[in-house]
Amino acid sequence: MIRDFTQFSVMDFVEEDSFIRWARHGDPEATAFWEQWQKEHPEKTALVTEAYRLVRLIQVQETTPSTQTL
């Protein structure tokens, strides 16, 4: 299924896996996609910029529960 990113809000971008891979991890495939997408949709620059900034600011700490909590 192809997603219509042109209808995305800032929060939709922030929750999109490939967008996160581009913004946080520099994934080459995601980077190529999002850079091309931005060229094709310059009217979305402000939304993409804001979403990118938010993704970079969000820090998720993943932990593994200890056996004592299981």
Protein backbone atom coordinates (compact mmCIF):
# COMPACT_ATOMS: atom_id res chain seq x y z
CA MET A 1 0.00 0.00 0.00
CA ILE A 2 1.37 3.38 -1.01
CA ARG A 3 0.77 6.05 1.62
CA ASP A 4 -0.34 9.55 0.72
CA PHE A 5 2.24 11.54 2.66
CA THR A 6 0.87 14.77 1.16
CA GLN A 7 -2.02 14.52 3.61
CA PHE A 8 0.22 13.99 6.66
CA SER A 9 0.32 16.32 9.63
CA VAL A 10 3.48 16.99 11.63
CA MET A 11 2.50 14.26 14.10
CA ASP A 12 1.83 11.78 11.27
CA PHE A 13 5.39 12.31 10.04
CA VAL A 14 6.76 11.98 13.59
CA GLU A 15 5.08 8.57 13.90
CA GLU A 16 6.10 7.28 10.43
CA ASP A 17 8.77 4.54 10.65
CA SER A 18 10.66 5.48 7.49
CA PHE A 19 10.65 9.15 8.49
CA ILE A 20 12.11 8.24 11.88
CA ARG A 21 14.78 6.05 10.22
CA TRP A 22 15.76 9.04 8.09
CA ALA A 23 15.68 11.66 10.84
CA ARG A 24 17.29 9.68 13.65
CA HIS A 25 19.40 7.03 12.01
CA GLY A 26 20.33 8.34 8.56
CA ASP A 27 19.09 5.13 6.93
CA PRO A 28 20.29 5.39 3.29
CA GLU A 29 17.08 4.06 1.74
CA ALA A 30 14.87 6.29 3.89
CA THR A 31 17.16 9.27 3.26
CA ALA A 32 16.94 8.81 -0.51
CA PHE A 33 13.15 8.52 -0.34
CA TRP A 34 12.57 11.56 1.90
CA GLU A 35 15.02 13.78 0.05
CA GLN A 36 13.32 12.97 -3.25
CA TRP A 37 9.87 13.35 -1.71
CA GLN A 38 10.75 16.82 -0.43
CA LYS A 39 11.95 17.85 -3.90
CA GLU A 40 8.61 16.73 -5.32
CA HIS A 41 6.58 18.45 -2.56
CA PRO A 42 8.30 21.74 -1.67
CA GLU A 43 5.01 23.04 -0.26
CA LYS A 44 5.48 20.58 2.63
CA THR A 45 8.89 21.94 3.68
CA ALA A 46 7.64 23.62 6.86
CA LEU A 47 5.81 20.46 8.02
CA VAL A 48 8.76 18.19 7.24
CA THR A 49 11.20 20.55 8.95
CA GLU A 50 9.09 20.70 12.11
CA ALA A 51 8.56 16.92 12.17
CA TYR A 52 12.27 16.31 11.59
CA ARG A 53 13.13 18.65 14.47
CA LEU A 54 10.68 16.86 16.78
CA VAL A 55 11.97 13.40 15.89
CA ARG A 56 15.53 14.54 16.59
CA LEU A 57 14.45 15.95 19.98
CA ILE A 58 12.52 12.89 21.12
CA GLN A 59 14.67 10.47 23.07
CA VAL A 60 13.41 7.00 23.75
CA GLN A 61 15.15 4.89 26.32
CA GLU A 62 14.54 1.20 25.84
CA THR A 63 15.18 -1.04 28.80
CA THR A 64 14.97 -4.73 29.37
CA PRO A 65 13.07 -5.69 32.49
CA SER A 66 15.13 -7.45 35.11
CA THR A 67 14.19 -10.97 36.09
CA GLN A 68 13.06 -9.59 39.43
CA THR A 69 10.23 -7.67 37.76
CA LEU A 70 9.01 -10.64 35.72
